Amino acid sequence: MYFAALLARTEDGWEASDTELDDVETLSDLAELAREASDDDTVIVYIEQEDAWFGIVRIEGEEDPRIYVSDGAAAARSSYGEILTREILGDDLDAELDELESLDLDGTEDGEPLADDADDDEPDGVAAELVPSAPVGDALVLADLGLSERELRALDSDALAVIADALGAAEVLEAVR
């Protein structure tokens, strides 16, 4: 189960809203959703999956989104998390996936067996192998708004409350929770 919230900075302060991600299939879709909330101001999109991982996407006007994910491997095993980790890891992840796609269906490449460590009980071994089980992305995404890299990397449970508090948006966030 996912929880997603938008925090938009306006002239009057922060505005918060929960949001549905049903129509989000790409980072562009997510950025468009955020820009609809506030055209030129800073918008923070927070996505969380059952305390397994959280992601932050910061969108400012037409600039490229800045992304942070608390646990790359956990996020890569979920639909919305995969969108974020693919954007962060980009060409490196695509090259690895292209190489894996060249394998025959029996798990061999040109008749050679795969390495023993490729056998994996996880439902999505590709994500576990290719994406680090650690924070990925821009850890300075909220530094100028009051949450340092060190503080962001230390977050685990209830990250949204800590982030909202650091931004001065705790009260408006509570109204939508």
C-alpha atoms as a PDB file:
ATOM      1  CA  MET A   1       0.000   0.000   0.000  1.00  0.00           C
ATOM      2  CA  TYR A   2       1.266   3.430  -0.936  1.00  0.00           C
ATOM      3  CA  PHE A   3       0.800   6.801   0.668  1.00  0.00           C
ATOM      4  CA  ALA A   4       1.554   9.909  -1.357  1.00  0.00           C
ATOM      5  CA  ALA A   5       1.398  13.565  -0.383  1.00  0.00           C
ATOM      6  CA  LEU A   6       2.148  16.832  -2.119  1.00  0.00           C
ATOM      7  CA  LEU A   7       3.639  19.754  -0.236  1.00  0.00           C
ATOM      8  CA  ALA A   8       3.508  22.913  -2.335  1.00  0.00           C
ATOM      9  CA  ARG A   9       5.232  26.113  -1.246  1.00  0.00           C
ATOM     10  CA  THR A  10       3.205  29.184  -2.108  1.00  0.00           C
ATOM     11  CA  GLU A  11       3.338  32.877  -1.209  1.00  0.00           C
ATOM     12  CA  ASP A  12       1.145  32.092   1.802  1.00  0.00           C
ATOM     13  CA  GLY A  13       3.301  29.195   3.052  1.00  0.00           C
ATOM     14  CA  TRP A  14       3.052  25.457   2.535  1.00  0.00           C
ATOM     15  CA  GLU A  15      -0.082  23.728   1.292  1.00  0.00           C
ATOM     16  CA  ALA A  16      -0.479  19.978   1.687  1.00  0.00           C
ATOM     17  CA  SER A  17      -2.664  17.460  -0.072  1.00  0.00           C
ATOM     18  CA  ASP A  18      -2.744  13.728  -0.351  1.00  0.00           C
ATOM     19  CA  THR A  19      -2.732  12.516  -3.906  1.00  0.00           C
ATOM     20  CA  GLU A  20      -3.672   9.497  -5.952  1.00  0.00           C
ATOM     21  CA  LEU A  21      -0.972   7.980  -8.108  1.00  0.00           C
ATOM     22  CA  ASP A  22      -3.287   5.804 -10.202  1.00  0.00           C
ATOM     23  CA  ASP A  23      -2.504   7.642 -13.454  1.00  0.00           C
ATOM     24  CA  VAL A  24       1.236   7.944 -12.808  1.00  0.00           C
ATOM     25  CA  GLU A  25       3.293   5.693 -15.054  1.00  0.00           C
ATOM     26  CA  THR A  26       6.412   7.817 -15.580  1.00  0.00           C
ATOM     27  CA  LEU A  27       8.391  10.517 -13.836  1.00  0.00           C
ATOM     28  CA  SER A  28       6.922  12.982 -16.348  1.00  0.00           C
ATOM     29  CA  ASP A  29       3.415  12.033 -15.176  1.00  0.00           C
ATOM     30  CA  LEU A  30       4.456  12.604 -11.569  1.00  0.00           C
ATOM     31  CA  ALA A  31       6.074  15.944 -12.395  1.00  0.00           C
ATOM     32  CA  GLU A  32       2.950  17.042 -14.292  1.00  0.00           C
ATOM     33  CA  LEU A  33       0.784  16.113 -11.305  1.00  0.00           C
ATOM     34  CA  ALA A  34       3.020  18.199  -9.027  1.00  0.00           C
ATOM     35  CA  ARG A  35       3.138  21.169 -11.402  1.00  0.00           C
ATOM     36  CA  GLU A  36      -0.662  21.223 -11.485  1.00  0.00           C
ATOM     37  CA  ALA A  37      -0.574  21.773  -7.717  1.00  0.00           C
ATOM     38  CA  SER A  38       1.671  24.828  -8.013  1.00  0.00           C
ATOM     39  CA  ASP A  39       2.985  26.200 -11.306  1.00  0.00           C
ATOM     40  CA  ASP A  40       6.144  28.085 -10.360  1.00  0.00           C
ATOM     41  CA  ASP A  41       6.714  27.293  -6.711  1.00  0.00           C
ATOM     42  CA  THR A  42       8.503  24.400  -5.054  1.00  0.00           C
ATOM     43  CA  VAL A  43       6.525  21.177  -4.828  1.00  0.00           C
ATOM     44  CA  ILE A  44       7.687  18.208  -2.782  1.00  0.00           C
ATOM     45  CA  VAL A  45       6.124  14.861  -3.674  1.00  0.00           C
ATOM     46  CA  TYR A  46       6.439  12.281  -0.928  1.00  0.00           C
ATOM     47  CA  ILE A  47       5.766   8.605  -1.702  1.00  0.00           C
ATOM     48  CA  GLU A  48       5.947   5.868   0.900  1.00  0.00           C
ATOM     49  CA  GLN A  49       5.331   2.150   0.721  1.00  0.00           C
ATOM     50  CA  GLU A  50       4.432   0.596   4.078  1.00  0.00           C
ATOM     51  CA  ASP A  51       7.615   1.751   5.841  1.00  0.00           C
ATOM     52  CA  ALA A  52       9.702  -0.287   3.366  1.00  0.00           C
ATOM     53  CA  TRP A  53      10.974   2.806   1.564  1.00  0.00           C
ATOM     54  CA  PHE A  54      10.122   6.425   0.883  1.00  0.00           C
ATOM     55  CA  GLY A  55      10.921   8.703  -1.988  1.00  0.00           C
ATOM     56  CA  ILE A  56      11.050  12.452  -2.374  1.00  0.00           C
ATOM     57  CA  VAL A  57      10.691  14.236  -5.681  1.00  0.00           C
ATOM     58  CA  ARG A  58      11.307  17.972  -5.683  1.00  0.00           C
ATOM     59  CA  ILE A  59       9.912  19.933  -8.581  1.00  0.00           C
ATOM     60  CA  GLU A  60      10.532  23.622  -9.167  1.00  0.00           C
ATOM     61  CA  GLY A  61       8.915  25.145 -12.218  1.00  0.00           C
ATOM     62  CA  GLU A  62      10.198  23.574 -15.405  1.00  0.00           C
ATOM     63  CA  GLU A  63      13.507  22.387 -13.920  1.00  0.00           C
ATOM     64  CA  ASP A  64      14.318  18.683 -13.931  1.00  0.00           C
ATOM     65  CA  PRO A  65      12.968  16.906 -10.850  1.00  0.00           C
ATOM     66  CA  ARG A  66      15.404  16.113  -8.050  1.00  0.00           C
ATOM     67  CA  ILE A  67      14.895  12.664  -6.539  1.00  0.00           C
ATOM     68  CA  TYR A  68      15.872  10.846  -3.366  1.00  0.00           C
ATOM     69  CA  VAL A  69      14.921   7.269  -2.403  1.00  0.00           C
ATOM     70  CA  SER A  70      15.602   5.848   1.064  1.00  0.00           C
ATOM     71  CA  ASP A  71      16.229   2.251  -0.104  1.00  0.00           C
ATOM     72  CA  GLY A  72      16.900   1.715  -3.781  1.00  0.00           C
ATOM     73  CA  ALA A  73      16.474  -2.070  -3.849  1.00  0.00           C
ATOM     74  CA  ALA A  74      13.198  -2.028  -1.907  1.00  0.00           C
ATOM     75  CA  ALA A  75      11.841   0.766  -4.088  1.00  0.00           C
ATOM     76  CA  ALA A  76      12.893  -0.958  -7.313  1.00  0.00           C
ATOM     77  CA  ARG A  77      10.624  -3.880  -6.421  1.00  0.00           C
ATOM     78  CA  SER A  78       7.548  -1.651  -6.488  1.00  0.00           C
ATOM     79  CA  SER A  79       5.874   0.090  -9.404  1.00  0.00           C
ATOM     80  CA  TYR A  80       6.278   3.705  -8.267  1.00  0.00           C
ATOM     81  CA  GLY A  81       9.670   3.071  -6.731  1.00  0.00           C
ATOM     82  CA  GLU A  82      10.897   1.583  -9.974  1.00  0.00           C
ATOM     83  CA  ILE A  83       9.994   4.833 -11.748  1.00  0.00           C
ATOM     84  CA  LEU A  84      12.198   6.754  -9.302  1.00  0.00           C
ATOM     85  CA  THR A  85      15.139   4.342  -9.204  1.00  0.00           C
ATOM     86  CA  ARG A  86      15.219   4.055 -12.995  1.00  0.00           C
ATOM     87  CA  GLU A  87      15.408   7.832 -13.243  1.00  0.00           C
ATOM     88  CA  ILE A  88      18.198   8.012 -10.656  1.00  0.00           C
ATOM     89  CA  LEU A  89      20.294   5.155 -12.018  1.00  0.00           C
ATOM     90  CA  GLY A  90      19.370   5.800 -15.654  1.00  0.00           C
ATOM     91  CA  ASP A  91      21.785   4.456 -18.215  1.00  0.00           C
ATOM     92  CA  ASP A  92      23.646   2.209 -15.754  1.00  0.00           C
ATOM     93  CA  LEU A  93      20.482   0.283 -14.900  1.00  0.00           C
ATOM     94  CA  ASP A  94      19.300   0.181 -18.527  1.00  0.00           C
ATOM     95  CA  ALA A  95      22.653  -1.264 -19.654  1.00  0.00           C
ATOM     96  CA  GLU A  96      22.467  -3.979 -16.999  1.00  0.00           C
ATOM     97  CA  LEU A  97      18.886  -4.848 -17.948  1.00  0.00           C
ATOM     98  CA  ASP A  98      19.795  -4.987 -21.651  1.00  0.00           C
ATOM     99  CA  GLU A  99      22.566  -7.442 -20.798  1.00  0.00           C
ATOM    100  CA  LEU A 100      20.156  -9.623 -18.826  1.00  0.00           C
ATOM    101  CA  GLU A 101      17.634  -9.582 -21.664  1.00  0.00           C
ATOM    102  CA  SER A 102      20.273 -11.132 -23.938  1.00  0.00           C
ATOM    103  CA  LEU A 103      20.185 -14.319 -21.851  1.00  0.00           C
ATOM    104  CA  ASP A 104      18.380 -17.341 -23.274  1.00  0.00           C
ATOM    105  CA  LEU A 105      15.166 -18.437 -21.596  1.00  0.00           C
ATOM    106  CA  ASP A 106      16.940 -21.394 -20.008  1.00  0.00           C
ATOM    107  CA  GLY A 107      19.129 -18.951 -18.080  1.00  0.00           C
ATOM    108  CA  THR A 108      22.284 -19.333 -20.105  1.00  0.00           C
ATOM    109  CA  GLU A 109      24.133 -17.099 -22.498  1.00  0.00           C
ATOM    110  CA  ASP A 110      25.671 -18.961 -25.416  1.00  0.00           C
ATOM    111  CA  GLY A 111      25.287 -22.217 -23.492  1.00  0.00           C
ATOM    112  CA  GLU A 112      27.225 -21.039 -20.433  1.00  0.00           C
ATOM    113  CA  PRO A 113      25.596 -21.395 -17.009  1.00  0.00           C
ATOM    114  CA  LEU A 114      24.902 -18.330 -14.934  1.00  0.00           C
ATOM    115  CA  ALA A 115      26.965 -17.639 -11.832  1.00  0.00           C
ATOM    116  CA  ASP A 116      25.641 -19.283  -8.653  1.00  0.00           C
ATOM    117  CA  ASP A 117      24.855 -15.937  -7.064  1.00  0.00           C
ATOM    118  CA  ALA A 118      22.314 -15.177  -9.787  1.00  0.00           C
ATOM    119  CA  ASP A 119      19.905 -17.674  -8.207  1.00  0.00           C
ATOM    120  CA  ASP A 120      17.776 -15.673  -5.871  1.00  0.00           C
ATOM    121  CA  ASP A 121      14.586 -16.319  -3.942  1.00  0.00           C
ATOM    122  CA  GLU A 122      13.309 -12.763  -4.285  1.00  0.00           C
ATOM    123  CA  PRO A 123      10.428 -12.194  -6.677  1.00  0.00           C
ATOM    124  CA  ASP A 124      12.398  -9.542  -8.513  1.00  0.00           C
ATOM    125  CA  GLY A 125      16.018 -10.643  -8.325  1.00  0.00           C
ATOM    126  CA  VAL A 126      16.941  -8.162 -11.050  1.00  0.00           C
ATOM    127  CA  ALA A 127      16.126  -5.187  -8.833  1.00  0.00           C
ATOM    128  CA  ALA A 128      17.904  -6.699  -5.850  1.00  0.00           C
ATOM    129  CA  GLU A 129      21.028  -7.366  -7.890  1.00  0.00           C
ATOM    130  CA  LEU A 130      21.217  -4.087  -9.796  1.00  0.00           C
ATOM    131  CA  VAL A 131      19.995  -1.478  -7.335  1.00  0.00           C
ATOM    132  CA  PRO A 132      21.785  -0.903  -4.030  1.00  0.00           C
ATOM    133  CA  SER A 133      19.934  -1.614  -0.798  1.00  0.00           C
ATOM    134  CA  ALA A 134      20.839   1.858   0.393  1.00  0.00           C
ATOM    135  CA  PRO A 135      19.747   5.430  -0.193  1.00  0.00           C
ATOM    136  CA  VAL A 136      20.050   6.588  -3.810  1.00  0.00           C
ATOM    137  CA  GLY A 137      19.626   9.935  -5.463  1.00  0.00           C
ATOM    138  CA  ASP A 138      20.066  13.521  -4.359  1.00  0.00           C
ATOM    139  CA  ALA A 139      20.465  13.504  -0.568  1.00  0.00           C
ATOM    140  CA  LEU A 140      20.701  17.314  -0.614  1.00  0.00           C
ATOM    141  CA  VAL A 141      17.194  17.593  -2.095  1.00  0.00           C
ATOM    142  CA  LEU A 142      15.850  19.297   1.058  1.00  0.00           C
ATOM    143  CA  ALA A 143      19.043  20.817   2.490  1.00  0.00           C
ATOM    144  CA  ASP A 144      18.145  24.413   1.596  1.00  0.00           C
ATOM    145  CA  LEU A 145      14.688  23.894   3.125  1.00  0.00           C
ATOM    146  CA  GLY A 146      15.966  22.832   6.539  1.00  0.00           C
ATOM    147  CA  LEU A 147      16.687  19.090   6.337  1.00  0.00           C
ATOM    148  CA  SER A 148      20.381  18.248   5.962  1.00  0.00           C
ATOM    149  CA  GLU A 149      21.787  15.292   4.064  1.00  0.00           C
ATOM    150  CA  ARG A 150      22.699  13.594   7.343  1.00  0.00           C
ATOM    151  CA  GLU A 151      19.191  14.060   8.769  1.00  0.00           C
ATOM    152  CA  LEU A 152      17.549  12.810   5.567  1.00  0.00           C
ATOM    153  CA  ARG A 153      19.707   9.679   5.417  1.00  0.00           C
ATOM    154  CA  ALA A 154      18.911   8.926   9.078  1.00  0.00           C
ATOM    155  CA  LEU A 155      15.142   8.851   8.504  1.00  0.00           C
ATOM    156  CA  ASP A 156      13.298   5.550   8.518  1.00  0.00           C
ATOM    157  CA  SER A 157       9.812   5.344   9.985  1.00  0.00           C
ATOM    158  CA  ASP A 158       7.518   8.363  10.060  1.00  0.00           C
ATOM    159  CA  ALA A 159       9.818  10.191   7.660  1.00  0.00           C
ATOM    160  CA  LEU A 160       7.024  12.375   6.339  1.00  0.00           C
ATOM    161  CA  ALA A 161       6.332  13.897   9.753  1.00  0.00           C
ATOM    162  CA  VAL A 162      10.013  14.739  10.252  1.00  0.00           C
ATOM    163  CA  ILE A 163      10.275  16.212   6.755  1.00  0.00           C
ATOM    164  CA  ALA A 164       7.100  18.274   7.179  1.00  0.00           C
ATOM    165  CA  ASP A 165       8.330  19.533  10.547  1.00  0.00           C
ATOM    166  CA  ALA A 166      11.684  20.588   9.068  1.00  0.00           C
ATOM    167  CA  LEU A 167       9.891  22.435   6.266  1.00  0.00           C
ATOM    168  CA  GLY A 168       7.503  24.110   8.683  1.00  0.00           C
ATOM    169  CA  ALA A 169       4.566  22.299   7.114  1.00  0.00           C
ATOM    170  CA  ALA A 170       3.608  19.901   9.912  1.00  0.00           C
ATOM    171  CA  GLU A 171       0.271  21.573  10.677  1.00  0.00           C
ATOM    172  CA  VAL A 172      -0.925  21.650   7.066  1.00  0.00           C
ATOM    173  CA  LEU A 173       0.149  18.053   6.594  1.00  0.00           C
ATOM    174  CA  GLU A 174      -1.808  16.891   9.633  1.00  0.00           C
ATOM    175  CA  ALA A 175      -4.926  18.404   8.080  1.00  0.00           C
ATOM    176  CA  VAL A 176      -4.720  15.991   5.117  1.00  0.00           C
ATOM    177  CA  ARG A 177      -3.609  12.874   6.994  1.00  0.00           C
END
